[in-house]
Amino acid sequence: MLGLIRIRGLTEPRWVQSPKVTMQLACTATDMASRGRRGVPDREGEQRRDEPRCEDQGEQQAPAPQGPVLPPPPPVDYGVFMQGSVQAMQTQAHTQAALQAQLEAQERADVWWSSLLRTWFEDGAVEVGWDEFVRLFRAKFVLEHIQDKMEQEYLSLTQGSMTVLEYEARFAELSKYALHIVADERRKAKKFVMGMRPSLRTRLVAFDHRTLEQALSVACR
């Protein structure tokens, strides 16, 4: 039985009854219709005229943006690095030595205070004034020539370029080494005023300050 096939794409439709011709025309019509829908080239491997070539695509493609180029890291000075490491170890060793010395000093102070309570106060519950305690402590643990040096510095202390508060702090610190001199509070206040700068001393000397706190309060106004 012969098939009847209508050929699309021809100016006038024609019907073919030959089996061989019918099959060829059917394949041709199907292929033409498929190409017309997909827009593929007429021959296999043929490049479409309106399709850019791979080389053109490569030329038209913009280069990818690149980030800033970082400079190479500076060379490591291993000499400085090792020096810092040695200094860190030395600092740690000094800190440990200072802590050890502090513990030993604390132990010696505890032994001294226990002995002092037994010999002087017979382990009784007594009240010891701070000034008396400082005097006994310094006599035991501070060398005599150091105490003499601090006492002379206290006697010659003046305000100079220090502020009033800085001068008062230094005055109070050094006065601990001259308790026998500043035992009287009024004498201590007078010594403080006489060591101040002339502009402040002239303003304060007219007042009879009974305590160091009074003289300091007026000087800070």
C-alpha atoms as a PDB file:
ATOM      1  CA  MET A   1       0.000   0.000   0.000  1.00  0.00           C
ATOM      2  CA  LEU A   2       1.428   3.385  -1.030  1.00  0.00           C
ATOM      3  CA  GLY A   3       1.324   6.308   1.369  1.00  0.00           C
ATOM      4  CA  LEU A   4       0.198   9.760   0.312  1.00  0.00           C
ATOM      5  CA  ILE A   5       2.433  12.562   1.712  1.00  0.00           C
ATOM      6  CA  ARG A   6       1.813  16.285   1.384  1.00  0.00           C
ATOM      7  CA  ILE A   7       5.094  18.227   1.092  1.00  0.00           C
ATOM      8  CA  ARG A   8       5.276  21.422   3.142  1.00  0.00           C
ATOM      9  CA  GLY A   9       7.414  24.307   1.943  1.00  0.00           C
ATOM     10  CA  LEU A  10       6.536  23.825  -1.723  1.00  0.00           C
ATOM     11  CA  THR A  11       4.755  26.526  -3.671  1.00  0.00           C
ATOM     12  CA  GLU A  12       1.975  24.145  -4.507  1.00  0.00           C
ATOM     13  CA  PRO A  13       1.226  21.013  -2.510  1.00  0.00           C
ATOM     14  CA  ARG A  14       2.003  17.826  -4.344  1.00  0.00           C
ATOM     15  CA  TRP A  15       1.133  14.260  -3.527  1.00  0.00           C
ATOM     16  CA  VAL A  16       3.657  11.511  -4.251  1.00  0.00           C
ATOM     17  CA  GLN A  17       2.813   7.860  -4.381  1.00  0.00           C
ATOM     18  CA  SER A  18       6.257   6.304  -5.031  1.00  0.00           C
ATOM     19  CA  PRO A  19       7.541   4.533  -1.894  1.00  0.00           C
ATOM     20  CA  LYS A  20      11.154   5.567  -2.365  1.00  0.00           C
ATOM     21  CA  VAL A  21      10.376   9.108  -3.372  1.00  0.00           C
ATOM     22  CA  THR A  22       7.773   9.320  -0.658  1.00  0.00           C
ATOM     23  CA  MET A  23      10.310   8.386   2.009  1.00  0.00           C
ATOM     24  CA  GLN A  24      12.951  10.849   0.702  1.00  0.00           C
ATOM     25  CA  LEU A  25      10.523  13.709   0.471  1.00  0.00           C
ATOM     26  CA  ALA A  26       9.182  12.963   3.935  1.00  0.00           C
ATOM     27  CA  CYS A  27      12.657  13.084   5.448  1.00  0.00           C
ATOM     28  CA  THR A  28      13.435  16.293   3.570  1.00  0.00           C
ATOM     29  CA  ALA A  29      10.252  17.961   4.745  1.00  0.00           C
ATOM     30  CA  THR A  30      10.761  16.901   8.349  1.00  0.00           C
ATOM     31  CA  ASP A  31      14.354  18.126   8.338  1.00  0.00           C
ATOM     32  CA  MET A  32      13.397  21.492   6.824  1.00  0.00           C
ATOM     33  CA  ALA A  33      10.635  21.984   9.365  1.00  0.00           C
ATOM     34  CA  SER A  34      12.932  21.104  12.249  1.00  0.00           C
ATOM     35  CA  ARG A  35      15.600  23.538  11.056  1.00  0.00           C
ATOM     36  CA  GLY A  36      13.063  26.250  10.620  1.00  0.00           C
ATOM     37  CA  ARG A  37      11.908  25.905  14.235  1.00  0.00           C
ATOM     38  CA  ARG A  38      15.345  25.656  15.895  1.00  0.00           C
ATOM     39  CA  GLY A  39      17.287  27.937  13.591  1.00  0.00           C
ATOM     40  CA  VAL A  40      20.137  25.442  13.229  1.00  0.00           C
ATOM     41  CA  PRO A  41      22.608  25.591  10.331  1.00  0.00           C
ATOM     42  CA  ASP A  42      21.698  23.886   7.069  1.00  0.00           C
ATOM     43  CA  ARG A  43      24.707  21.639   7.205  1.00  0.00           C
ATOM     44  CA  GLU A  44      26.234  19.879  10.177  1.00  0.00           C
ATOM     45  CA  GLY A  45      29.214  21.793  11.550  1.00  0.00           C
ATOM     46  CA  GLU A  46      28.352  24.940   9.515  1.00  0.00           C
ATOM     47  CA  GLN A  47      28.609  28.169  11.535  1.00  0.00           C
ATOM     48  CA  ARG A  48      25.568  30.452  11.462  1.00  0.00           C
ATOM     49  CA  ARG A  49      26.218  33.787   9.833  1.00  0.00           C
ATOM     50  CA  ASP A  50      24.596  35.828  12.620  1.00  0.00           C
ATOM     51  CA  GLU A  51      26.306  33.849  15.429  1.00  0.00           C
ATOM     52  CA  PRO A  52      29.638  35.304  16.635  1.00  0.00           C
ATOM     53  CA  ARG A  53      32.655  33.069  16.466  1.00  0.00           C
ATOM     54  CA  CYS A  54      34.462  31.850  19.585  1.00  0.00           C
ATOM     55  CA  GLU A  55      37.447  34.045  18.755  1.00  0.00           C
ATOM     56  CA  ASP A  56      35.207  37.119  18.553  1.00  0.00           C
ATOM     57  CA  GLN A  57      33.596  36.251  21.886  1.00  0.00           C
ATOM     58  CA  GLY A  58      37.012  36.022  23.500  1.00  0.00           C
ATOM     59  CA  GLU A  59      38.005  39.420  22.075  1.00  0.00           C
ATOM     60  CA  GLN A  60      34.735  41.092  23.111  1.00  0.00           C
ATOM     61  CA  GLN A  61      34.728  39.669  26.659  1.00  0.00           C
ATOM     62  CA  ALA A  62      35.961  42.265  29.167  1.00  0.00           C
ATOM     63  CA  PRO A  63      38.836  41.180  31.405  1.00  0.00           C
ATOM     64  CA  ALA A  64      37.883  40.254  34.952  1.00  0.00           C
ATOM     65  CA  PRO A  65      38.655  43.033  37.479  1.00  0.00           C
ATOM     66  CA  GLN A  66      41.669  42.365  39.651  1.00  0.00           C
ATOM     67  CA  GLY A  67      42.149  43.538  43.251  1.00  0.00           C
ATOM     68  CA  PRO A  68      45.051  45.683  44.441  1.00  0.00           C
ATOM     69  CA  VAL A  69      48.396  43.973  44.495  1.00  0.00           C
ATOM     70  CA  LEU A  70      49.631  43.841  48.086  1.00  0.00           C
ATOM     71  CA  PRO A  71      53.312  44.445  48.755  1.00  0.00           C
ATOM     72  CA  PRO A  72      55.312  41.532  50.099  1.00  0.00           C
ATOM     73  CA  PRO A  73      55.641  41.351  53.906  1.00  0.00           C
ATOM     74  CA  PRO A  74      58.749  42.976  55.361  1.00  0.00           C
ATOM     75  CA  PRO A  75      61.597  40.671  56.252  1.00  0.00           C
ATOM     76  CA  VAL A  76      61.741  39.495  59.848  1.00  0.00           C
ATOM     77  CA  ASP A  77      64.668  40.811  61.869  1.00  0.00           C
ATOM     78  CA  TYR A  78      65.378  37.713  63.915  1.00  0.00           C
ATOM     79  CA  GLY A  79      68.037  39.551  65.895  1.00  0.00           C
ATOM     80  CA  VAL A  80      65.493  42.035  67.240  1.00  0.00           C
ATOM     81  CA  PHE A  81      63.009  39.192  67.753  1.00  0.00           C
ATOM     82  CA  MET A  82      65.458  37.196  69.856  1.00  0.00           C
ATOM     83  CA  GLN A  83      66.473  40.302  71.798  1.00  0.00           C
ATOM     84  CA  GLY A  84      62.835  40.940  72.696  1.00  0.00           C
ATOM     85  CA  SER A  85      62.395  37.329  73.765  1.00  0.00           C
ATOM     86  CA  VAL A  86      65.467  37.493  76.003  1.00  0.00           C
ATOM     87  CA  GLN A  87      64.274  40.744  77.577  1.00  0.00           C
ATOM     88  CA  ALA A  88      60.856  39.210  78.238  1.00  0.00           C
ATOM     89  CA  MET A  89      62.453  36.220  79.964  1.00  0.00           C
ATOM     90  CA  GLN A  90      64.700  38.507  82.016  1.00  0.00           C
ATOM     91  CA  THR A  91      61.705  40.604  83.060  1.00  0.00           C
ATOM     92  CA  GLN A  92      59.859  37.478  84.133  1.00  0.00           C
ATOM     93  CA  ALA A  93      62.886  36.311  86.111  1.00  0.00           C
ATOM     94  CA  HIS A  94      63.221  39.708  87.805  1.00  0.00           C
ATOM     95  CA  THR A  95      59.525  39.694  88.657  1.00  0.00           C
ATOM     96  CA  GLN A  96      59.794  36.256  90.208  1.00  0.00           C
ATOM     97  CA  ALA A  97      62.881  37.331  92.146  1.00  0.00           C
ATOM     98  CA  ALA A  98      61.073  40.442  93.400  1.00  0.00           C
ATOM     99  CA  LEU A  99      58.098  38.372  94.533  1.00  0.00           C
ATOM    100  CA  GLN A 100      60.405  35.945  96.294  1.00  0.00           C
ATOM    101  CA  ALA A 101      62.201  38.813  98.035  1.00  0.00           C
ATOM    102  CA  GLN A 102      58.852  40.286  99.058  1.00  0.00           C
ATOM    103  CA  LEU A 103      57.740  36.998 100.586  1.00  0.00           C
ATOM    104  CA  GLU A 104      61.017  36.630 102.443  1.00  0.00           C
ATOM    105  CA  ALA A 105      60.777  40.198 103.755  1.00  0.00           C
ATOM    106  CA  GLN A 106      57.226  39.574 104.889  1.00  0.00           C
ATOM    107  CA  GLU A 107      58.331  36.445 106.741  1.00  0.00           C
ATOM    108  CA  ARG A 108      61.149  38.348 108.454  1.00  0.00           C
ATOM    109  CA  ALA A 109      58.735  41.122 109.417  1.00  0.00           C
ATOM    110  CA  ASP A 110      56.291  38.608 110.886  1.00  0.00           C
ATOM    111  CA  VAL A 111      59.061  37.010 112.927  1.00  0.00           C
ATOM    112  CA  TRP A 112      60.264  40.418 114.123  1.00  0.00           C
ATOM    113  CA  TRP A 113      56.784  41.564 115.132  1.00  0.00           C
ATOM    114  CA  SER A 114      56.083  38.330 117.002  1.00  0.00           C
ATOM    115  CA  SER A 115      59.378  38.692 118.851  1.00  0.00           C
ATOM    116  CA  LEU A 116      58.634  42.341 119.623  1.00  0.00           C
ATOM    117  CA  LEU A 117      55.259  41.469 121.103  1.00  0.00           C
ATOM    118  CA  ARG A 118      56.847  38.841 123.356  1.00  0.00           C
ATOM    119  CA  THR A 119      59.751  40.952 124.585  1.00  0.00           C
ATOM    120  CA  TRP A 120      58.221  44.410 124.819  1.00  0.00           C
ATOM    121  CA  PHE A 121      54.562  43.821 125.435  1.00  0.00           C
ATOM    122  CA  GLU A 122      54.660  40.285 126.863  1.00  0.00           C
ATOM    123  CA  ASP A 123      52.080  39.144 124.306  1.00  0.00           C
ATOM    124  CA  GLY A 124      49.508  41.427 125.879  1.00  0.00           C
ATOM    125  CA  ALA A 125      46.694  43.055 123.949  1.00  0.00           C
ATOM    126  CA  VAL A 126      48.100  46.574 123.764  1.00  0.00           C
ATOM    127  CA  GLU A 127      47.532  49.475 121.411  1.00  0.00           C
ATOM    128  CA  VAL A 128      50.599  50.558 119.474  1.00  0.00           C
ATOM    129  CA  GLY A 129      50.541  53.971 117.842  1.00  0.00           C
ATOM    130  CA  TRP A 130      51.338  54.125 114.154  1.00  0.00           C
ATOM    131  CA  ASP A 131      54.243  56.503 114.583  1.00  0.00           C
ATOM    132  CA  GLU A 132      55.756  54.235 117.221  1.00  0.00           C
ATOM    133  CA  PHE A 133      55.322  51.213 114.983  1.00  0.00           C
ATOM    134  CA  VAL A 134      56.976  53.001 112.043  1.00  0.00           C
ATOM    135  CA  ARG A 135      59.876  54.066 114.242  1.00  0.00           C
ATOM    136  CA  LEU A 136      60.450  50.523 115.471  1.00  0.00           C
ATOM    137  CA  PHE A 137      60.059  49.065 112.003  1.00  0.00           C
ATOM    138  CA  ARG A 138      62.507  51.468 110.370  1.00  0.00           C
ATOM    139  CA  ALA A 139      65.006  50.972 113.146  1.00  0.00           C
ATOM    140  CA  LYS A 140      64.940  47.259 112.401  1.00  0.00           C
ATOM    141  CA  PHE A 141      64.765  47.093 108.599  1.00  0.00           C
ATOM    142  CA  VAL A 142      66.002  50.446 107.223  1.00  0.00           C
ATOM    143  CA  LEU A 143      69.729  51.071 107.325  1.00  0.00           C
ATOM    144  CA  GLU A 144      70.822  54.035 109.401  1.00  0.00           C
ATOM    145  CA  HIS A 145      72.566  55.891 106.581  1.00  0.00           C
ATOM    146  CA  ILE A 146      69.417  55.627 104.458  1.00  0.00           C
ATOM    147  CA  GLN A 147      67.339  57.096 107.272  1.00  0.00           C
ATOM    148  CA  ASP A 148      69.825  59.958 107.622  1.00  0.00           C
ATOM    149  CA  LYS A 149      69.671  60.647 103.893  1.00  0.00           C
ATOM    150  CA  MET A 150      65.869  60.767 103.877  1.00  0.00           C
ATOM    151  CA  GLU A 151      65.854  63.021 106.939  1.00  0.00           C
ATOM    152  CA  GLN A 152      68.206  65.515 105.281  1.00  0.00           C
ATOM    153  CA  GLU A 153      66.070  65.499 102.148  1.00  0.00           C
ATOM    154  CA  TYR A 154      63.027  66.273 104.268  1.00  0.00           C
ATOM    155  CA  LEU A 155      64.742  69.189 106.006  1.00  0.00           C
ATOM    156  CA  SER A 156      65.801  70.734 102.672  1.00  0.00           C
ATOM    157  CA  LEU A 157      62.567  69.990 100.790  1.00  0.00           C
ATOM    158  CA  THR A 158      60.977  72.903  98.899  1.00  0.00           C
ATOM    159  CA  GLN A 159      58.070  73.069  96.484  1.00  0.00           C
ATOM    160  CA  GLY A 160      60.086  74.151  93.456  1.00  0.00           C
ATOM    161  CA  SER A 161      58.276  73.242  90.228  1.00  0.00           C
ATOM    162  CA  MET A 162      55.898  70.800  91.932  1.00  0.00           C
ATOM    163  CA  THR A 163      52.210  71.494  92.337  1.00  0.00           C
ATOM    164  CA  VAL A 164      50.807  71.993  95.828  1.00  0.00           C
ATOM    165  CA  LEU A 165      49.443  68.440  95.937  1.00  0.00           C
ATOM    166  CA  GLU A 166      52.697  66.940  94.631  1.00  0.00           C
ATOM    167  CA  TYR A 167      54.660  68.920  97.207  1.00  0.00           C
ATOM    168  CA  GLU A 168      52.340  67.778 100.018  1.00  0.00           C
ATOM    169  CA  ALA A 169      52.648  64.117  98.932  1.00  0.00           C
ATOM    170  CA  ARG A 170      56.460  64.286  98.951  1.00  0.00           C
ATOM    171  CA  PHE A 171      56.433  66.170 102.258  1.00  0.00           C
ATOM    172  CA  ALA A 172      54.251  63.521 103.904  1.00  0.00           C
ATOM    173  CA  GLU A 173      56.418  60.693 102.551  1.00  0.00           C
ATOM    174  CA  LEU A 174      59.703  62.141 103.821  1.00  0.00           C
ATOM    175  CA  SER A 175      58.263  63.202 107.171  1.00  0.00           C
ATOM    176  CA  LYS A 176      58.101  59.509 108.127  1.00  0.00           C
ATOM    177  CA  TYR A 177      61.895  59.558 108.373  1.00  0.00           C
ATOM    178  CA  ALA A 178      61.893  62.595 110.685  1.00  0.00           C
ATOM    179  CA  LEU A 179      59.231  61.773 113.231  1.00  0.00           C
ATOM    180  CA  HIS A 180      61.328  63.206 116.058  1.00  0.00           C
ATOM    181  CA  ILE A 181      61.412  66.545 114.218  1.00  0.00           C
ATOM    182  CA  VAL A 182      57.763  66.820 113.205  1.00  0.00           C
ATOM    183  CA  ALA A 183      56.232  65.304 116.298  1.00  0.00           C
ATOM    184  CA  ASP A 184      54.469  68.616 116.928  1.00  0.00           C
ATOM    185  CA  GLU A 185      51.689  69.221 114.387  1.00  0.00           C
ATOM    186  CA  ARG A 186      52.088  73.005 114.404  1.00  0.00           C
ATOM    187  CA  ARG A 187      55.804  72.735 113.635  1.00  0.00           C
ATOM    188  CA  LYS A 188      55.006  70.368 110.798  1.00  0.00           C
ATOM    189  CA  ALA A 189      52.547  72.875 109.294  1.00  0.00           C
ATOM    190  CA  LYS A 190      55.091  75.687 109.626  1.00  0.00           C
ATOM    191  CA  LYS A 191      57.769  73.591 107.912  1.00  0.00           C
ATOM    192  CA  PHE A 192      55.324  72.874 105.094  1.00  0.00           C
ATOM    193  CA  VAL A 193      54.487  76.557 104.580  1.00  0.00           C
ATOM    194  CA  MET A 194      58.116  77.699 104.661  1.00  0.00           C
ATOM    195  CA  GLY A 195      59.001  75.263 101.897  1.00  0.00           C
ATOM    196  CA  MET A 196      56.400  76.595  99.456  1.00  0.00           C
ATOM    197  CA  ARG A 197      57.055  79.005  96.585  1.00  0.00           C
ATOM    198  CA  PRO A 198      57.451  82.666  97.654  1.00  0.00           C
ATOM    199  CA  SER A 199      54.130  83.742  96.137  1.00  0.00           C
ATOM    200  CA  LEU A 200      52.223  81.141  98.165  1.00  0.00           C
ATOM    201  CA  ARG A 201      54.392  81.431 101.257  1.00  0.00           C
ATOM    202  CA  THR A 202      53.724  85.179 101.513  1.00  0.00           C
ATOM    203  CA  ARG A 203      49.996  84.570 101.415  1.00  0.00           C
ATOM    204  CA  LEU A 204      50.044  81.725 103.968  1.00  0.00           C
ATOM    205  CA  VAL A 205      52.649  82.853 106.479  1.00  0.00           C
ATOM    206  CA  ALA A 206      50.284  85.424 107.999  1.00  0.00           C
ATOM    207  CA  PHE A 207      47.981  82.654 109.174  1.00  0.00           C
ATOM    208  CA  ASP A 208      48.732  80.605 112.249  1.00  0.00           C
ATOM    209  CA  HIS A 209      47.974  77.156 110.889  1.00  0.00           C
ATOM    210  CA  ARG A 210      47.650  74.619 113.647  1.00  0.00           C
ATOM    211  CA  THR A 211      47.672  71.550 111.366  1.00  0.00           C
ATOM    212  CA  LEU A 212      49.091  70.569 108.022  1.00  0.00           C
ATOM    213  CA  GLU A 213      45.574  70.008 106.717  1.00  0.00           C
ATOM    214  CA  GLN A 214      44.648  73.643 107.397  1.00  0.00           C
ATOM    215  CA  ALA A 215      47.710  74.946 105.579  1.00  0.00           C
ATOM    216  CA  LEU A 216      47.054  72.647 102.632  1.00  0.00           C
ATOM    217  CA  SER A 217      43.415  73.716 102.413  1.00  0.00           C
ATOM    218  CA  VAL A 218      44.326  77.424 102.246  1.00  0.00           C
ATOM    219  CA  ALA A 219      47.110  76.780  99.718  1.00  0.00           C
ATOM    220  CA  CYS A 220      44.744  74.960  97.351  1.00  0.00           C
ATOM    221  CA  ARG A 221      42.195  77.803  97.234  1.00  0.00           C
END
